[in-house]
Amino acid sequence: NLPAFDKQVAEYKASAQHWENLTITEASLTAYRDSLMETVRNSGCQIRSLEASQPTSRIWLKKDDPLSRETPPKKAKKTPFKLEKRVLTLLVDGDMASITKLLEKIGNSEQAIFPQRVKLNSASGRGNTTSLEMTLWLFALTR
């Protein structure tokens, strides 16, 4: 039945678009950086540095796990996609309440970002300002 097929195709397209919107591609990187800088400011923190690496890519395999440090099995089946990974390093200063607010906002994001490393240091002699250094992995699937 053609109307039911058209409905199913529309649902698949909407689902694919939803997941695509969660990834950070070359085209969406600037918008994501701008959004992250706004999140930092709204949290009450000050940006010291925000740097994104060039992407690395590899073939995306069936049942793949981009967070695994293990090499996928040689028998894993290939897909028509490539996994892109960018490393984003964020350095900010703020009081501990503002840093906590920022970490919560980043943690609640639906984007395909994963904190890889978080480091906190006192940025002042009196301890009222904290420095946060955070490394995030940003992922995208491309063809």
N, C-alpha and C. Protein backbone atom coordinates (compact mmCIF):
# COMPACT_ATOMS: atom_id res chain seq x y z
N ASN A 1 0.86 -1.16 0.00
CA ASN A 1 0.00 0.00 0.00
C ASN A 1 0.91 1.23 0.00
N LEU A 2 0.78 2.06 -1.01
CA LEU A 2 1.68 3.19 -1.24
C LEU A 2 1.63 4.25 -0.13
N PRO A 3 0.46 4.66 0.38
CA PRO A 3 0.46 5.66 1.47
C PRO A 3 1.19 5.17 2.73
N ALA A 4 1.05 3.91 3.06
CA ALA A 4 1.75 3.37 4.24
C ALA A 4 3.26 3.37 4.00
N PHE A 5 3.69 3.03 2.79
CA PHE A 5 5.12 3.05 2.45
C PHE A 5 5.66 4.47 2.53
N ASP A 6 4.93 5.44 1.98
CA ASP A 6 5.35 6.85 2.02
C ASP A 6 5.47 7.34 3.46
N LYS A 7 4.55 6.90 4.30
CA LYS A 7 4.60 7.29 5.72
C LYS A 7 5.85 6.71 6.38
N GLN A 8 6.15 5.45 6.09
CA GLN A 8 7.32 4.80 6.66
C GLN A 8 8.61 5.48 6.19
N VAL A 9 8.68 5.83 4.91
CA VAL A 9 9.84 6.54 4.37
C VAL A 9 10.01 7.88 5.08
N ALA A 10 8.92 8.61 5.27
CA ALA A 10 8.97 9.91 5.95
C ALA A 10 9.46 9.75 7.38
N GLU A 11 9.02 8.68 8.07
CA GLU A 11 9.48 8.43 9.44
C GLU A 11 10.98 8.13 9.48
N TYR A 12 11.46 7.34 8.54
CA TYR A 12 12.90 7.03 8.47
C TYR A 12 13.71 8.29 8.19
N LYS A 13 13.23 9.13 7.28
CA LYS A 13 13.93 10.38 6.97
C LYS A 13 13.98 11.29 8.19
N ALA A 14 12.88 11.39 8.91
CA ALA A 14 12.83 12.24 10.10
C ALA A 14 13.79 11.71 11.17
N SER A 15 13.84 10.39 11.33
CA SER A 15 14.75 9.79 12.31
C SER A 15 16.20 10.03 11.92
N ALA A 16 16.52 9.85 10.63
CA ALA A 16 17.89 10.09 10.16
C ALA A 16 18.27 11.55 10.35
N GLN A 17 17.34 12.47 10.07
CA GLN A 17 17.63 13.90 10.24
C GLN A 17 17.86 14.23 11.71
N HIS A 18 17.09 13.62 12.60
CA HIS A 18 17.27 13.84 14.05
C HIS A 18 18.68 13.43 14.47
N TRP A 19 19.11 12.24 14.07
CA TRP A 19 20.44 11.76 14.47
C TRP A 19 21.54 12.57 13.81
N GLU A 20 21.31 12.99 12.58
CA GLU A 20 22.31 13.83 11.90
C GLU A 20 22.48 15.17 12.61
N ASN A 21 21.39 15.71 13.14
CA ASN A 21 21.46 16.98 13.85
C ASN A 21 22.25 16.88 15.16
N LEU A 22 22.41 15.69 15.68
CA LEU A 22 23.14 15.50 16.93
C LEU A 22 24.65 15.38 16.72
N THR A 23 25.08 15.19 15.48
CA THR A 23 26.51 15.02 15.22
C THR A 23 27.16 16.37 14.93
N ILE A 24 28.48 16.41 15.07
CA ILE A 24 29.24 17.63 14.81
C ILE A 24 30.09 17.39 13.56
N THR A 25 29.63 17.93 12.44
CA THR A 25 30.34 17.79 11.17
C THR A 25 31.14 19.06 10.91
N GLU A 26 31.91 19.05 9.85
CA GLU A 26 32.65 20.26 9.45
C GLU A 26 31.68 21.43 9.27
N ALA A 27 30.53 21.15 8.67
CA ALA A 27 29.54 22.19 8.41
C ALA A 27 28.91 22.75 9.68
N SER A 28 28.78 21.93 10.72
CA SER A 28 28.12 22.38 11.94
C SER A 28 29.09 22.76 13.06
N LEU A 29 30.38 22.63 12.83
CA LEU A 29 31.37 22.90 13.87
C LEU A 29 31.33 24.34 14.36
N THR A 30 31.27 25.29 13.44
CA THR A 30 31.25 26.71 13.85
C THR A 30 30.02 27.01 14.71
N ALA A 31 28.87 26.51 14.30
CA ALA A 31 27.64 26.73 15.07
C ALA A 31 27.76 26.08 16.45
N TYR A 32 28.37 24.88 16.53
CA TYR A 32 28.54 24.23 17.82
C TYR A 32 29.49 25.03 18.71
N ARG A 33 30.59 25.51 18.16
CA ARG A 33 31.53 26.33 18.93
C ARG A 33 30.85 27.58 19.47
N ASP A 34 30.07 28.25 18.61
CA ASP A 34 29.34 29.45 19.04
C ASP A 34 28.37 29.12 20.17
N SER A 35 27.67 28.00 20.02
CA SER A 35 26.72 27.57 21.05
C SER A 35 27.43 27.25 22.37
N LEU A 36 28.58 26.58 22.27
CA LEU A 36 29.35 26.25 23.47
C LEU A 36 29.86 27.51 24.16
N MET A 37 30.33 28.48 23.38
CA MET A 37 30.81 29.74 23.98
C MET A 37 29.66 30.46 24.69
N GLU A 38 28.48 30.43 24.10
CA GLU A 38 27.30 31.04 24.73
C GLU A 38 26.95 30.29 26.03
N THR A 39 27.04 28.97 26.01
CA THR A 39 26.79 28.17 27.21
C THR A 39 27.79 28.51 28.31
N VAL A 40 29.05 28.69 27.95
CA VAL A 40 30.09 29.06 28.93
C VAL A 40 29.74 30.39 29.56
N ARG A 41 29.41 31.37 28.73
CA ARG A 41 29.07 32.71 29.24
C ARG A 41 27.82 32.68 30.12
N ASN A 42 26.78 31.95 29.68
CA ASN A 42 25.54 31.85 30.45
C ASN A 42 25.73 31.13 31.78
N SER A 43 26.76 30.33 31.86
CA SER A 43 27.06 29.63 33.12
C SER A 43 27.81 30.52 34.09
N GLY A 44 28.27 31.70 33.63
CA GLY A 44 29.01 32.61 34.50
C GLY A 44 30.52 32.40 34.45
N CYS A 45 30.99 31.64 33.47
CA CYS A 45 32.43 31.38 33.33
C CYS A 45 33.02 32.28 32.25
N GLN A 46 34.34 32.35 32.25
CA GLN A 46 35.06 33.11 31.23
C GLN A 46 35.91 32.15 30.41
N ILE A 47 35.84 32.29 29.09
CA ILE A 47 36.60 31.43 28.19
C ILE A 47 38.05 31.90 28.12
N ARG A 48 38.98 30.98 28.34
CA ARG A 48 40.40 31.26 28.13
C ARG A 48 40.84 30.74 26.77
N SER A 49 40.30 29.59 26.36
CA SER A 49 40.70 29.00 25.08
C SER A 49 39.65 27.99 24.64
N LEU A 50 39.46 27.90 23.32
CA LEU A 50 38.57 26.90 22.73
C LEU A 50 39.18 26.52 21.39
N GLU A 51 39.68 25.30 21.29
CA GLU A 51 40.37 24.85 20.08
C GLU A 51 39.81 23.51 19.63
N ALA A 52 39.62 23.39 18.32
CA ALA A 52 39.15 22.13 17.74
C ALA A 52 40.22 21.61 16.79
N SER A 53 40.47 20.31 16.86
CA SER A 53 41.46 19.68 15.98
C SER A 53 40.85 19.41 14.61
N GLN A 54 41.71 19.08 13.67
CA GLN A 54 41.24 18.58 12.38
C GLN A 54 40.66 17.19 12.63
N PRO A 55 39.65 16.78 11.87
CA PRO A 55 39.06 15.47 12.12
C PRO A 55 39.96 14.32 11.68
N THR A 56 39.83 13.22 12.39
CA THR A 56 40.40 11.95 11.94
C THR A 56 39.20 11.10 11.54
N SER A 57 39.41 10.18 10.62
CA SER A 57 38.28 9.35 10.20
C SER A 57 38.73 7.92 9.98
N ARG A 58 37.76 7.04 10.10
CA ARG A 58 37.99 5.62 9.84
C ARG A 58 36.67 5.02 9.39
N ILE A 59 36.73 3.84 8.82
CA ILE A 59 35.53 3.14 8.38
C ILE A 59 34.67 2.81 9.61
N TRP A 60 33.37 3.02 9.48
CA TRP A 60 32.41 2.67 10.53
C TRP A 60 31.98 1.23 10.29
N LEU A 61 32.10 0.42 11.33
CA LEU A 61 31.78 -1.00 11.23
C LEU A 61 30.45 -1.30 11.91
N LYS A 62 29.83 -2.41 11.53
CA LYS A 62 28.60 -2.82 12.22
C LYS A 62 28.93 -3.13 13.68
N LYS A 63 28.04 -2.73 14.56
CA LYS A 63 28.20 -2.91 16.01
C LYS A 63 29.47 -2.25 16.53
N ASP A 64 29.83 -1.11 15.92
CA ASP A 64 31.03 -0.37 16.27
C ASP A 64 30.79 0.44 17.55
N ASP A 65 31.84 0.73 18.26
CA ASP A 65 31.78 1.56 19.46
C ASP A 65 32.87 2.62 19.36
N PRO A 66 32.50 3.88 19.09
CA PRO A 66 33.52 4.91 18.91
C PRO A 66 34.30 5.23 20.18
N LEU A 67 33.78 4.84 21.33
CA LEU A 67 34.46 5.14 22.59
C LEU A 67 35.44 4.05 23.02
N SER A 68 35.37 2.92 22.36
CA SER A 68 36.25 1.81 22.72
C SER A 68 37.68 2.09 22.28
N ARG A 69 38.62 1.73 23.12
CA ARG A 69 40.03 1.89 22.77
C ARG A 69 40.58 0.62 22.12
N GLU A 70 39.75 -0.41 22.06
CA GLU A 70 40.16 -1.68 21.46
C GLU A 70 40.00 -1.63 19.94
N THR A 71 40.87 -2.29 19.24
CA THR A 71 40.78 -2.39 17.79
C THR A 71 39.61 -3.30 17.44
N PRO A 72 38.74 -2.87 16.51
CA PRO A 72 37.61 -3.72 16.14
C PRO A 72 38.11 -5.04 15.55
N PRO A 73 37.34 -6.11 15.70
CA PRO A 73 37.75 -7.41 15.15
C PRO A 73 37.89 -7.33 13.62
N LYS A 74 38.83 -8.08 13.09
CA LYS A 74 39.08 -8.07 11.65
C LYS A 74 37.86 -8.58 10.86
N LYS A 75 37.03 -9.38 11.51
CA LYS A 75 35.86 -9.94 10.84
C LYS A 75 34.66 -8.98 10.85
N ALA A 76 34.78 -7.83 11.51
CA ALA A 76 33.66 -6.89 11.59
C ALA A 76 33.27 -6.40 10.19
N LYS A 77 31.97 -6.34 9.94
CA LYS A 77 31.49 -5.95 8.62
C LYS A 77 31.50 -4.44 8.48
N LYS A 78 31.95 -3.98 7.31
CA LYS A 78 32.01 -2.55 7.02
C LYS A 78 30.62 -2.02 6.70
N THR A 79 30.43 -0.73 6.94
CA THR A 79 29.22 -0.02 6.53
C THR A 79 29.64 0.99 5.47
N PRO A 80 28.69 1.66 4.83
CA PRO A 80 29.07 2.67 3.84
C PRO A 80 29.49 4.00 4.47
N PHE A 81 29.65 4.04 5.79
CA PHE A 81 29.94 5.29 6.49
C PHE A 81 31.37 5.35 7.00
N LYS A 82 31.80 6.58 7.26
CA LYS A 82 33.06 6.82 7.95
C LYS A 82 32.75 7.53 9.25
N LEU A 83 33.47 7.17 10.30
CA LEU A 83 33.34 7.84 11.58
C LEU A 83 34.38 8.95 11.64
N GLU A 84 33.92 10.18 11.85
CA GLU A 84 34.82 11.31 12.04
C GLU A 84 34.87 11.65 13.52
N LYS A 85 36.08 11.93 13.99
CA LYS A 85 36.26 12.35 15.38
C LYS A 85 37.11 13.61 15.40
N ARG A 86 36.62 14.59 16.13
CA ARG A 86 37.38 15.82 16.38
C ARG A 86 37.62 15.90 17.87
N VAL A 87 38.73 16.49 18.24
CA VAL A 87 39.03 16.74 19.64
C VAL A 87 38.88 18.23 19.88
N LEU A 88 38.06 18.57 20.85
CA LEU A 88 37.85 19.97 21.20
C LEU A 88 38.38 20.17 22.61
N THR A 89 39.24 21.17 22.78
CA THR A 89 39.79 21.48 24.10
C THR A 89 39.24 22.82 24.56
N LEU A 90 38.66 22.81 25.73
CA LEU A 90 38.03 23.99 26.31
C LEU A 90 38.73 24.33 27.62
N LEU A 91 39.15 25.59 27.76
CA LEU A 91 39.73 26.08 29.01
C LEU A 91 38.90 27.27 29.46
N VAL A 92 38.38 27.19 30.69
CA VAL A 92 37.56 28.27 31.23
C VAL A 92 37.95 28.54 32.68
N ASP A 93 37.62 29.74 33.15
CA ASP A 93 37.78 30.12 34.56
C ASP A 93 36.42 30.51 35.10
N GLY A 94 36.22 30.27 36.39
CA GLY A 94 34.99 30.68 37.05
C GLY A 94 34.97 30.19 38.48
N ASP A 95 33.97 30.64 39.22
CA ASP A 95 33.84 30.10 40.57
C ASP A 95 33.28 28.68 40.45
N MET A 96 33.38 27.92 41.52
CA MET A 96 33.02 26.50 41.46
C MET A 96 31.54 26.29 41.10
N ALA A 97 30.67 27.18 41.56
CA ALA A 97 29.25 27.05 41.23
C ALA A 97 29.03 27.22 39.72
N SER A 98 29.74 28.16 39.11
CA SER A 98 29.62 28.39 37.67
C SER A 98 30.20 27.23 36.87
N ILE A 99 31.33 26.70 37.33
CA ILE A 99 31.94 25.54 36.66
C ILE A 99 30.99 24.35 36.72
N THR A 100 30.39 24.13 37.89
CA THR A 100 29.43 23.03 38.07
C THR A 100 28.25 23.20 37.12
N LYS A 101 27.74 24.41 37.02
CA LYS A 101 26.61 24.71 36.12
C LYS A 101 27.00 24.40 34.67
N LEU A 102 28.20 24.80 34.28
CA LEU A 102 28.68 24.53 32.92
C LEU A 102 28.79 23.03 32.65
N LEU A 103 29.38 22.30 33.59
CA LEU A 103 29.53 20.85 33.41
C LEU A 103 28.17 20.16 33.30
N GLU A 104 27.19 20.62 34.07
CA GLU A 104 25.85 20.05 33.97
C GLU A 104 25.24 20.31 32.60
N LYS A 105 25.40 21.52 32.08
CA LYS A 105 24.85 21.84 30.76
C LYS A 105 25.51 21.02 29.67
N ILE A 106 26.82 20.86 29.74
CA ILE A 106 27.52 20.04 28.75
C ILE A 106 27.09 18.59 28.87
N GLY A 107 26.97 18.10 30.10
CA GLY A 107 26.56 16.72 30.33
C GLY A 107 25.15 16.42 29.88
N ASN A 108 24.28 17.42 29.90
CA ASN A 108 22.89 17.23 29.49
C ASN A 108 22.67 17.42 27.99
N SER A 109 23.72 17.75 27.27
CA SER A 109 23.60 17.97 25.83
C SER A 109 23.27 16.66 25.12
N GLU A 110 22.44 16.74 24.10
CA GLU A 110 22.10 15.56 23.30
C GLU A 110 23.06 15.38 22.13
N GLN A 111 23.96 16.33 21.91
CA GLN A 111 24.91 16.26 20.80
C GLN A 111 25.81 15.04 20.98
N ALA A 112 26.41 14.60 19.88
CA ALA A 112 27.32 13.45 19.91
C ALA A 112 28.71 13.91 20.38
N ILE A 113 28.74 14.33 21.65
CA ILE A 113 29.99 14.78 22.28
C ILE A 113 30.22 13.93 23.52
N PHE A 114 31.49 13.64 23.78
CA PHE A 114 31.82 12.81 24.93
C PHE A 114 33.02 13.39 25.64
N PRO A 115 32.87 13.73 26.93
CA PRO A 115 34.02 14.22 27.68
C PRO A 115 35.08 13.12 27.78
N GLN A 116 36.28 13.44 27.39
CA GLN A 116 37.37 12.47 27.42
C GLN A 116 38.25 12.73 28.63
N ARG A 117 38.39 14.02 29.00
CA ARG A 117 39.27 14.39 30.12
C ARG A 117 38.76 15.68 30.73
N VAL A 118 38.76 15.72 32.06
CA VAL A 118 38.37 16.93 32.80
C VAL A 118 39.42 17.16 33.87
N LYS A 119 39.91 18.40 33.94
CA LYS A 119 40.93 18.75 34.93
C LYS A 119 40.54 20.07 35.57
N LEU A 120 40.52 20.09 36.90
CA LEU A 120 40.21 21.30 37.66
C LEU A 120 41.42 21.72 38.47
N ASN A 121 41.69 23.03 38.48
CA ASN A 121 42.79 23.60 39.26
C ASN A 121 42.34 24.92 39.86
N SER A 122 42.94 25.28 40.96
CA SER A 122 42.72 26.61 41.52
C SER A 122 43.44 27.62 40.64
N ALA A 123 42.72 28.67 40.23
CA ALA A 123 43.31 29.67 39.35
C ALA A 123 43.77 30.90 40.13
N SER A 124 43.46 30.94 41.41
CA SER A 124 43.87 32.08 42.22
C SER A 124 44.48 31.58 43.52
N GLY A 125 45.29 32.40 44.11
CA GLY A 125 45.95 32.03 45.37
C GLY A 125 44.97 31.78 46.50
N ARG A 126 43.82 32.46 46.45
CA ARG A 126 42.83 32.30 47.53
C ARG A 126 41.82 31.20 47.25
N GLY A 127 41.86 30.62 46.05
CA GLY A 127 40.99 29.48 45.75
C GLY A 127 39.57 29.83 45.36
N ASN A 128 39.26 31.12 45.14
CA ASN A 128 37.89 31.47 44.78
C ASN A 128 37.63 31.40 43.27
N THR A 129 38.67 31.22 42.48
CA THR A 129 38.51 31.03 41.04
C THR A 129 39.11 29.68 40.65
N THR A 130 38.34 28.94 39.87
CA THR A 130 38.76 27.61 39.44
C THR A 130 38.96 27.62 37.93
N SER A 131 39.99 26.90 37.48
CA SER A 131 40.22 26.69 36.05
C SER A 131 39.75 25.29 35.68
N LEU A 132 39.02 25.21 34.60
CA LEU A 132 38.55 23.94 34.06
C LEU A 132 39.22 23.74 32.71
N GLU A 133 39.87 22.59 32.55
CA GLU A 133 40.39 22.19 31.24
C GLU A 133 39.65 20.91 30.88
N MET A 134 38.96 20.94 29.75
CA MET A 134 38.13 19.81 29.36
C MET A 134 38.42 19.44 27.91
N THR A 135 38.61 18.15 27.68
CA THR A 135 38.79 17.63 26.33
C THR A 135 37.53 16.86 25.97
N LEU A 136 36.91 17.25 24.85
CA LEU A 136 35.70 16.60 24.37
C LEU A 136 35.97 15.93 23.05
N TRP A 137 35.36 14.77 22.83
CA TRP A 137 35.40 14.12 21.53
C TRP A 137 34.09 14.46 20.85
N LEU A 138 34.17 14.93 19.60
CA LEU A 138 33.00 15.26 18.80
C LEU A 138 32.93 14.25 17.66
N PHE A 139 31.78 13.64 17.47
CA PHE A 139 31.65 12.57 16.47
C PHE A 139 30.65 12.94 15.38
N ALA A 140 30.90 12.37 14.20
CA ALA A 140 29.96 12.46 13.07
C ALA A 140 30.15 11.24 12.19
N LEU A 141 29.08 10.84 11.53
CA LEU A 141 29.15 9.80 10.50
C LEU A 141 29.01 10.48 9.15
N THR A 142 29.90 10.15 8.24
CA THR A 142 29.87 10.73 6.90
C THR A 142 29.91 9.61 5.87
N ARG A 143 29.62 9.96 4.64
CA ARG A 143 29.70 8.98 3.54
C ARG A 143 30.95 9.22 2.75
